[in-house]
PDB file of N, CA and C in Angstrom:
ATOM      1  N   MET A   1      11.814  -0.273   2.648  1.00  0.00           N
ATOM      2  CA  MET A   1      10.613  -0.079   2.439  1.00  0.00           C
ATOM      3  C   MET A   1      10.278  -1.388   1.475  1.00  0.00           C
ATOM      4  N   PRO A   2       9.727  -2.138   1.700  1.00  0.00           N
ATOM      5  CA  PRO A   2       9.133  -3.386   0.185  1.00  0.00           C
ATOM      6  C   PRO A   2       8.384  -2.886  -0.127  1.00  0.00           C
ATOM      7  N   THR A   3       8.786  -2.688  -1.668  1.00  0.00           N
ATOM      8  CA  THR A   3       7.851  -2.645  -2.206  1.00  0.00           C
ATOM      9  C   THR A   3       6.663  -3.428  -3.536  1.00  0.00           C
ATOM     10  N   LEU A   4       5.587  -3.134  -3.400  1.00  0.00           N
ATOM     11  CA  LEU A   4       5.062  -4.685  -3.069  1.00  0.00           C
ATOM     12  C   LEU A   4       4.196  -4.312  -4.885  1.00  0.00           C
ATOM     13  N   SER A   5       4.171  -3.134  -5.375  1.00  0.00           N
ATOM     14  CA  SER A   5       3.475  -3.624  -6.804  1.00  0.00           C
ATOM     15  C   SER A   5       3.773  -2.138  -7.329  1.00  0.00           C
ATOM     16  N   MET A   6       4.286  -2.323  -8.751  1.00  0.00           N
ATOM     17  CA  MET A   6       4.066  -1.150  -9.375  1.00  0.00           C
ATOM     18  C   MET A   6       3.284  -0.909 -10.763  1.00  0.00           C
ATOM     19  N   PHE A   7       2.669  -0.029 -10.884  1.00  0.00           N
ATOM     20  CA  PHE A   7       1.684   0.114 -11.897  1.00  0.00           C
ATOM     21  C   PHE A   7       1.392   2.039 -12.306  1.00  0.00           C
ATOM     22  N   TYR A   8       1.260   2.281 -13.752  1.00  0.00           N
ATOM     23  CA  TYR A   8       0.905   3.289 -14.370  1.00  0.00           C
ATOM     24  C   TYR A   8       2.051   4.120 -13.556  1.00  0.00           C
ATOM     25  N   GLY A   9       3.007   4.300 -13.507  1.00  0.00           N
ATOM     26  CA  GLY A   9       4.097   5.217 -12.131  1.00  0.00           C
ATOM     27  C   GLY A   9       3.606   4.902 -11.012  1.00  0.00           C
ATOM     28  N   ILE A  10       2.974   4.133 -10.210  1.00  0.00           N
ATOM     29  CA  ILE A  10       2.377   4.280  -8.917  1.00  0.00           C
ATOM     30  C   ILE A  10       3.044   3.786  -8.422  1.00  0.00           C
ATOM     31  N   ILE A  11       3.466   3.484  -7.213  1.00  0.00           N
ATOM     32  CA  ILE A  11       4.639   2.457  -6.312  1.00  0.00           C
ATOM     33  C   ILE A  11       4.309   2.765  -5.162  1.00  0.00           C
ATOM     34  N   ILE A  12       3.721   0.946  -4.666  1.00  0.00           N
ATOM     35  CA  ILE A  12       3.364   0.798  -3.549  1.00  0.00           C
ATOM     36  C   ILE A  12       4.048  -0.009  -2.560  1.00  0.00           C
ATOM     37  N   ALA A  13       4.263   0.548  -1.217  1.00  0.00           N
ATOM     38  CA  ALA A  13       5.085   0.059  -0.405  1.00  0.00           C
ATOM     39  C   ALA A  13       4.523  -0.508   0.856  1.00  0.00           C
ATOM     40  N   MET A  14       4.974  -1.420   1.870  1.00  0.00           N
ATOM     41  CA  MET A  14       5.010  -1.149   3.231  1.00  0.00           C
ATOM     42  C   MET A  14       5.862  -1.298   3.769  1.00  0.00           C
ATOM     43  N   PHE A  15       6.126  -0.888   5.167  1.00  0.00           N
ATOM     44  CA  PHE A  15       7.189  -0.724   5.911  1.00  0.00           C
ATOM     45  C   PHE A  15       6.608  -1.264   7.617  1.00  0.00           C
ATOM     46  N   GLN A  16       7.643  -1.719   7.841  1.00  0.00           N
ATOM     47  CA  GLN A  16       7.649  -2.157   9.147  1.00  0.00           C
ATOM     48  C   GLN A  16       6.918  -1.743  10.154  1.00  0.00           C
ATOM     49  N   GLU A  17       6.425  -1.681  11.092  1.00  0.00           N
ATOM     50  CA  GLU A  17       6.067  -0.930  12.243  1.00  0.00           C
ATOM     51  C   GLU A  17       6.660  -1.134  13.281  1.00  0.00           C
ATOM     52  N   ASP A  18       6.883   0.270  14.153  1.00  0.00           N
ATOM     53  CA  ASP A  18       7.381  -0.229  15.282  1.00  0.00           C
ATOM     54  C   ASP A  18       6.886  -1.014  16.166  1.00  0.00           C
ATOM     55  N   LYS A  19       8.117  -2.384  17.113  1.00  0.00           N
ATOM     56  CA  LYS A  19       6.876  -2.633  17.615  1.00  0.00           C
ATOM     57  C   LYS A  19       5.806  -2.176  18.802  1.00  0.00           C
ATOM     58  N   GLU A  20       6.203  -0.543  19.002  1.00  0.00           N
ATOM     59  CA  GLU A  20       5.638   0.361  20.473  1.00  0.00           C
ATOM     60  C   GLU A  20       4.347   0.416  19.278  1.00  0.00           C
ATOM     61  N   GLN A  21       4.413   0.546  18.352  1.00  0.00           N
ATOM     62  CA  GLN A  21       3.292   1.845  18.220  1.00  0.00           C
ATOM     63  C   GLN A  21       2.534   0.711  17.516  1.00  0.00           C
ATOM     64  N   HIS A  22       1.006   0.991  17.113  1.00  0.00           N
ATOM     65  CA  HIS A  22      -0.273  -0.095  17.009  1.00  0.00           C
ATOM     66  C   HIS A  22      -0.607   0.965  15.974  1.00  0.00           C
ATOM     67  N   ASN A  23       0.010   1.085  15.036  1.00  0.00           N
ATOM     68  CA  ASN A  23      -0.781   1.900  13.586  1.00  0.00           C
ATOM     69  C   ASN A  23      -1.988   1.176  12.855  1.00  0.00           C
ATOM     70  N   LYS A  24      -2.699   1.451  12.645  1.00  0.00           N
ATOM     71  CA  LYS A  24      -3.917   0.708  11.503  1.00  0.00           C
ATOM     72  C   LYS A  24      -2.688   0.186  10.704  1.00  0.00           C
ATOM     73  N   PRO A  25      -3.429  -1.043  10.207  1.00  0.00           N
ATOM     74  CA  PRO A  25      -2.641  -1.901   9.088  1.00  0.00           C
ATOM     75  C   PRO A  25      -3.091  -0.332   7.850  1.00  0.00           C
ATOM     76  N   HIS A  26      -1.894  -0.336   6.870  1.00  0.00           N
ATOM     77  CA  HIS A  26      -1.812   0.207   5.786  1.00  0.00           C
ATOM     78  C   HIS A  26      -0.831   0.482   4.728  1.00  0.00           C
ATOM     79  N   LEU A  27      -0.636   1.770   3.860  1.00  0.00           N
ATOM     80  CA  LEU A  27      -0.180   1.081   2.551  1.00  0.00           C
ATOM     81  C   LEU A  27       0.809   2.495   2.056  1.00  0.00           C
ATOM     82  N   HIS A  28       1.760   2.690   2.093  1.00  0.00           N
ATOM     83  CA  HIS A  28       2.671   3.847   1.364  1.00  0.00           C
ATOM     84  C   HIS A  28       2.655   3.935  -0.650  1.00  0.00           C
ATOM     85  N   VAL A  29       2.435   4.975  -0.973  1.00  0.00           N
ATOM     86  CA  VAL A  29       1.828   5.325  -2.443  1.00  0.00           C
ATOM     87  C   VAL A  29       2.429   6.548  -2.622  1.00  0.00           C
ATOM     88  N   LYS A  30       3.784   6.198  -3.853  1.00  0.00           N
ATOM     89  CA  LYS A  30       4.085   7.576  -4.551  1.00  0.00           C
ATOM     90  C   LYS A  30       3.695   7.421  -5.609  1.00  0.00           C
ATOM     91  N   TYR A  31       3.776   8.689  -6.237  1.00  0.00           N
ATOM     92  CA  TYR A  31       3.627   8.862  -7.967  1.00  0.00           C
ATOM     93  C   TYR A  31       4.433  10.485  -8.184  1.00  0.00           C
ATOM     94  N   ALA A  32       5.477  10.453  -8.993  1.00  0.00           N
ATOM     95  CA  ALA A  32       5.565  11.339  -8.976  1.00  0.00           C
ATOM     96  C   ALA A  32       5.996  11.872  -7.594  1.00  0.00           C
ATOM     97  N   GLU A  33       5.496  13.531  -7.609  1.00  0.00           N
ATOM     98  CA  GLU A  33       6.017  14.403  -6.770  1.00  0.00           C
ATOM     99  C   GLU A  33       4.827  13.957  -5.023  1.00  0.00           C
ATOM    100  N   TYR A  34       3.797  13.385  -5.586  1.00  0.00           N
ATOM    101  CA  TYR A  34       2.834  13.212  -4.352  1.00  0.00           C
ATOM    102  C   TYR A  34       3.178  12.031  -3.976  1.00  0.00           C
ATOM    103  N   SER A  35       2.340  11.897  -3.113  1.00  0.00           N
ATOM    104  CA  SER A  35       2.132  10.552  -1.720  1.00  0.00           C
ATOM    105  C   SER A  35       1.616  10.708  -0.689  1.00  0.00           C
ATOM    106  N   ALA A  36       0.778   9.853  -0.726  1.00  0.00           N
ATOM    107  CA  ALA A  36      -0.281   8.812   0.016  1.00  0.00           C
ATOM    108  C   ALA A  36       0.116   7.969   0.869  1.00  0.00           C
ATOM    109  N   VAL A  37      -1.156   7.928   2.076  1.00  0.00           N
ATOM    110  CA  VAL A  37      -1.316   6.659   3.290  1.00  0.00           C
ATOM    111  C   VAL A  37      -2.529   6.154   2.579  1.00  0.00           C
ATOM    112  N   TYR A  38      -2.911   5.220   2.613  1.00  0.00           N
ATOM    113  CA  TYR A  38      -4.381   4.823   2.454  1.00  0.00           C
ATOM    114  C   TYR A  38      -4.185   3.235   3.443  1.00  0.00           C
ATOM    115  N   ASP A  39      -4.888   2.886   3.606  1.00  0.00           N
ATOM    116  CA  ASP A  39      -5.439   1.531   5.221  1.00  0.00           C
ATOM    117  C   ASP A  39      -6.195   0.710   3.608  1.00  0.00           C
ATOM    118  N   LEU A  40      -5.833  -0.510   4.521  1.00  0.00           N
ATOM    119  CA  LEU A  40      -5.787  -1.529   3.876  1.00  0.00           C
ATOM    120  C   LEU A  40      -7.416  -1.909   3.281  1.00  0.00           C
ATOM    121  N   GLU A  41      -8.334  -0.670   3.267  1.00  0.00           N
ATOM    122  CA  GLU A  41      -9.297  -0.628   2.879  1.00  0.00           C
ATOM    123  C   GLU A  41     -10.522   0.141   1.981  1.00  0.00           C
ATOM    124  N   GLY A  42      -8.536   0.966   1.732  1.00  0.00           N
ATOM    125  CA  GLY A  42      -9.156   1.552   0.429  1.00  0.00           C
ATOM    126  C   GLY A  42      -9.377   3.482   0.777  1.00  0.00           C
ATOM    127  N   ASP A  43      -9.486   3.839   1.604  1.00  0.00           N
ATOM    128  CA  ASP A  43      -9.434   4.736   2.332  1.00  0.00           C
ATOM    129  C   ASP A  43      -8.146   5.223   2.996  1.00  0.00           C
ATOM    130  N   LEU A  44      -8.229   6.910   1.980  1.00  0.00           N
ATOM    131  CA  LEU A  44      -6.757   7.782   1.883  1.00  0.00           C
ATOM    132  C   LEU A  44      -6.851   8.072   4.101  1.00  0.00           C
ATOM    133  N   LEU A  45      -5.813   8.166   4.245  1.00  0.00           N
ATOM    134  CA  LEU A  45      -5.178   8.502   5.609  1.00  0.00           C
ATOM    135  C   LEU A  45      -4.627   9.429   5.745  1.00  0.00           C
ATOM    136  N   ALA A  46      -3.672  10.019   4.444  1.00  0.00           N
ATOM    137  CA  ALA A  46      -2.619  10.860   4.887  1.00  0.00           C
ATOM    138  C   ALA A  46      -2.401  10.698   3.157  1.00  0.00           C
ATOM    139  N   GLY A  47      -1.645  12.637   3.309  1.00  0.00           N
ATOM    140  CA  GLY A  47      -1.466  12.421   1.820  1.00  0.00           C
ATOM    141  C   GLY A  47      -2.435  13.024   0.723  1.00  0.00           C
ATOM    142  N   LYS A  48      -1.394  12.970  -0.362  1.00  0.00           N
ATOM    143  CA  LYS A  48      -2.889  13.219  -2.320  1.00  0.00           C
ATOM    144  C   LYS A  48      -1.979  13.049  -2.857  1.00  0.00           C
ATOM    145  N   LEU A  49      -2.989  12.204  -3.765  1.00  0.00           N
ATOM    146  CA  LEU A  49      -2.929  12.031  -5.120  1.00  0.00           C
ATOM    147  C   LEU A  49      -3.184  12.776  -6.099  1.00  0.00           C
ATOM    148  N   PRO A  50      -3.469  12.701  -7.492  1.00  0.00           N
ATOM    149  CA  PRO A  50      -3.976  12.846  -8.531  1.00  0.00           C
ATOM    150  C   PRO A  50      -5.610  12.199  -8.519  1.00  0.00           C
ATOM    151  N   LYS A  51      -6.656  12.769  -9.014  1.00  0.00           N
ATOM    152  CA  LYS A  51      -7.248  12.088  -9.108  1.00  0.00           C
ATOM    153  C   LYS A  51      -7.476  10.685  -9.685  1.00  0.00           C
ATOM    154  N   LYS A  52      -7.620  10.983 -10.985  1.00  0.00           N
ATOM    155  CA  LYS A  52      -7.049   9.179 -11.494  1.00  0.00           C
ATOM    156  C   LYS A  52      -6.205   8.257 -11.099  1.00  0.00           C
ATOM    157  N   GLN A  53      -4.757   8.597 -10.337  1.00  0.00           N
ATOM    158  CA  GLN A  53      -4.605   7.717  -9.880  1.00  0.00           C
ATOM    159  C   GLN A  53      -4.863   7.378  -8.178  1.00  0.00           C
ATOM    160  N   ALA A  54      -5.526   8.069  -7.473  1.00  0.00           N
ATOM    161  CA  ALA A  54      -6.208   8.220  -6.551  1.00  0.00           C
ATOM    162  C   ALA A  54      -7.096   6.601  -6.640  1.00  0.00           C
ATOM    163  N   ARG A  55      -8.136   7.099  -7.746  1.00  0.00           N
ATOM    164  CA  ARG A  55      -8.971   6.110  -8.087  1.00  0.00           C
ATOM    165  C   ARG A  55      -8.269   4.333  -8.632  1.00  0.00           C
ATOM    166  N   GLN A  56      -7.000   4.380  -9.245  1.00  0.00           N
ATOM    167  CA  GLN A  56      -6.554   3.700  -9.379  1.00  0.00           C
ATOM    168  C   GLN A  56      -6.339   2.764  -8.341  1.00  0.00           C
ATOM    169  N   VAL A  57      -5.782   3.530  -7.339  1.00  0.00           N
ATOM    170  CA  VAL A  57      -4.999   3.113  -6.316  1.00  0.00           C
ATOM    171  C   VAL A  57      -5.671   2.379  -5.254  1.00  0.00           C
ATOM    172  N   GLU A  58      -7.327   2.780  -5.708  1.00  0.00           N
ATOM    173  CA  GLU A  58      -8.543   2.692  -4.366  1.00  0.00           C
ATOM    174  C   GLU A  58      -8.795   1.159  -5.545  1.00  0.00           C
ATOM    175  N   VAL A  59      -9.047   1.251  -6.495  1.00  0.00           N
ATOM    176  CA  VAL A  59      -9.590   0.302  -7.352  1.00  0.00           C
ATOM    177  C   VAL A  59      -8.908  -1.398  -6.727  1.00  0.00           C
ATOM    178  N   TRP A  60      -6.840  -0.893  -7.198  1.00  0.00           N
ATOM    179  CA  TRP A  60      -6.601  -2.034  -6.636  1.00  0.00           C
ATOM    180  C   TRP A  60      -6.313  -2.385  -5.583  1.00  0.00           C
ATOM    181  N   ILE A  61      -6.379  -1.286  -4.124  1.00  0.00           N
ATOM    182  CA  ILE A  61      -6.600  -2.444  -3.272  1.00  0.00           C
ATOM    183  C   ILE A  61      -7.784  -3.035  -3.118  1.00  0.00           C
ATOM    184  N   GLY A  62      -9.340  -2.326  -3.635  1.00  0.00           N
ATOM    185  CA  GLY A  62     -10.083  -3.305  -3.205  1.00  0.00           C
ATOM    186  C   GLY A  62      -9.924  -4.888  -3.942  1.00  0.00           C
ATOM    187  N   LEU A  63      -9.604  -4.638  -5.360  1.00  0.00           N
ATOM    188  CA  LEU A  63      -9.081  -6.099  -6.019  1.00  0.00           C
ATOM    189  C   LEU A  63      -7.740  -7.204  -5.017  1.00  0.00           C
ATOM    190  N   ARG A  64      -7.071  -6.242  -4.459  1.00  0.00           N
ATOM    191  CA  ARG A  64      -6.033  -7.444  -3.881  1.00  0.00           C
ATOM    192  C   ARG A  64      -5.497  -7.089  -2.304  1.00  0.00           C
ATOM    193  N   LYS A  65      -7.092  -6.865  -1.528  1.00  0.00           N
ATOM    194  CA  LYS A  65      -7.449  -6.652  -0.475  1.00  0.00           C
ATOM    195  C   LYS A  65      -6.308  -8.107   0.638  1.00  0.00           C
ATOM    196  N   ASP A  66      -7.420  -8.960   0.111  1.00  0.00           N
ATOM    197  CA  ASP A  66      -5.970 -10.399   0.736  1.00  0.00           C
ATOM    198  C   ASP A  66      -4.878 -10.603   0.872  1.00  0.00           C
ATOM    199  N   ASP A  67      -3.665 -10.161  -0.603  1.00  0.00           N
ATOM    200  CA  ASP A  67      -3.082 -10.224  -0.241  1.00  0.00           C
ATOM    201  C   ASP A  67      -2.168  -8.418   0.497  1.00  0.00           C
ATOM    202  N   LEU A  68      -3.214  -8.235   0.517  1.00  0.00           N
ATOM    203  CA  LEU A  68      -2.603  -6.922   1.198  1.00  0.00           C
ATOM    204  C   LEU A  68      -2.697  -6.932   3.098  1.00  0.00           C
ATOM    205  N   LYS A  69      -3.739  -7.892   3.181  1.00  0.00           N
ATOM    206  CA  LYS A  69      -3.541  -8.508   4.678  1.00  0.00           C
ATOM    207  C   LYS A  69      -2.465  -9.347   4.894  1.00  0.00           C
ATOM    208  N   THR A  70      -2.168  -9.918   3.956  1.00  0.00           N
ATOM    209  CA  THR A  70      -1.334 -11.059   4.393  1.00  0.00           C
ATOM    210  C   THR A  70       0.071 -10.730   4.450  1.00  0.00           C
ATOM    211  N   ASN A  71      -0.033  -9.411   3.172  1.00  0.00           N
ATOM    212  CA  ASN A  71       1.634  -9.132   3.310  1.00  0.00           C
ATOM    213  C   ASN A  71       1.713  -7.792   4.413  1.00  0.00           C
ATOM    214  N   TRP A  72       1.233  -7.657   4.835  1.00  0.00           N
ATOM    215  CA  TRP A  72       1.101  -6.663   6.221  1.00  0.00           C
ATOM    216  C   TRP A  72       1.179  -7.515   7.263  1.00  0.00           C
ATOM    217  N   ALA A  73       0.445  -8.507   7.358  1.00  0.00           N
ATOM    218  CA  ALA A  73       1.430  -9.488   8.404  1.00  0.00           C
ATOM    219  C   ALA A  73       2.941 -10.682   8.227  1.00  0.00           C
ATOM    220  N   LEU A  74       2.994 -10.680   6.893  1.00  0.00           N
ATOM    221  CA  LEU A  74       3.990 -11.373   6.844  1.00  0.00           C
ATOM    222  C   LEU A  74       5.287  -9.974   7.022  1.00  0.00           C
ATOM    223  N   ILE A  75       5.357  -8.811   6.860  1.00  0.00           N
ATOM    224  CA  ILE A  75       6.401  -7.495   6.725  1.00  0.00           C
ATOM    225  C   ILE A  75       6.112  -7.581   8.400  1.00  0.00           C
ATOM    226  N   GLN A  76       5.038  -7.361   9.109  1.00  0.00           N
ATOM    227  CA  GLN A  76       5.062  -6.798  10.753  1.00  0.00           C
ATOM    228  C   GLN A  76       5.941  -8.272  11.825  1.00  0.00           C
ATOM    229  N   ALA A  77       6.019  -9.400  10.583  1.00  0.00           N
ATOM    230  CA  ALA A  77       6.856 -10.644  11.591  1.00  0.00           C
ATOM    231  C   ALA A  77       8.257 -10.092  11.187  1.00  0.00           C
ATOM    232  N   GLY A  78       8.631  -9.311  10.527  1.00  0.00           N
ATOM    233  CA  GLY A  78      10.197  -9.573   9.836  1.00  0.00           C
ATOM    234  C   GLY A  78      10.064 -10.846   9.013  1.00  0.00           C
ATOM    235  N   GLU A  79       9.056 -11.337   8.399  1.00  0.00           N
ATOM    236  CA  GLU A  79       9.350 -12.091   7.358  1.00  0.00           C
ATOM    237  C   GLU A  79       9.643 -11.344   5.137  1.00  0.00           C
ATOM    238  N   ALA A  80       9.802 -12.085   4.595  1.00  0.00           N
ATOM    239  CA  ALA A  80       9.559 -12.247   3.216  1.00  0.00           C
ATOM    240  C   ALA A  80       8.331 -11.596   3.017  1.00  0.00           C
ATOM    241  N   HIS A  81       8.213 -10.791   2.305  1.00  0.00           N
ATOM    242  CA  HIS A  81       6.941  -9.771   1.896  1.00  0.00           C
ATOM    243  C   HIS A  81       7.145 -10.394  -0.014  1.00  0.00           C
ATOM    244  N   TYR A  82       5.389 -11.244  -0.531  1.00  0.00           N
ATOM    245  CA  TYR A  82       5.819 -11.075  -1.743  1.00  0.00           C
ATOM    246  C   TYR A  82       4.967 -10.398  -2.912  1.00  0.00           C
ATOM    247  N   LYS A  83       5.365 -10.128  -4.257  1.00  0.00           N
ATOM    248  CA  LYS A  83       4.486  -9.124  -4.759  1.00  0.00           C
ATOM    249  C   LYS A  83       3.110  -9.029  -5.538  1.00  0.00           C
ATOM    250  N   ILE A  84       2.239  -7.916  -5.475  1.00  0.00           N
ATOM    251  CA  ILE A  84       1.342  -8.249  -5.935  1.00  0.00           C
ATOM    252  C   ILE A  84       0.932  -7.442  -7.655  1.00  0.00           C
ATOM    253  N   GLU A  85       0.864  -8.655  -8.004  1.00  0.00           N
ATOM    254  CA  GLU A  85       0.078  -8.183  -9.346  1.00  0.00           C
ATOM    255  C   GLU A  85      -0.334  -6.802  -9.346  1.00  0.00           C
ATOM    256  N   PRO A  86       0.080  -5.893 -10.492  1.00  0.00           N
ATOM    257  CA  PRO A  86      -0.767  -4.578 -10.147  1.00  0.00           C
ATOM    258  C   PRO A  86      -1.740  -4.513 -11.397  1.00  0.00           C
ATOM    259  N   LEU A  87      -2.409  -3.584 -11.260  1.00  0.00           N
ATOM    260  CA  LEU A  87      -3.338  -3.155 -11.917  1.00  0.00           C
ATOM    261  C   LEU A  87      -3.326  -3.055 -13.555  1.00  0.00           C
ATOM    262  N   LYS A  88      -3.914  -3.887 -14.377  1.00  0.00           N
ATOM    263  CA  LYS A  88      -3.697  -4.057 -15.597  1.00  0.00           C
ATOM    264  C   LYS A  88      -4.552  -2.806 -16.363  1.00  0.00           C
TER     265      LYS A  88
END
């Protein structure tokens, strides 16, 4: 699972999808014992995060939307991803 960014104990990653599946572009978020899946628009698809961390992730996604879309395409094509600047 390629890690794209880490900030405030939050880890953001993406998986390469099975070519047979047609899942909406999304990212995986881990924080302590919590995990969640967000689409690239910042909407929660599954899981749960504490309120503060959820808000931080949503803000970060809004700031990094273009980088996330580019990385999604790279990862799905089997190419190398790049790190995205963390929330500061």
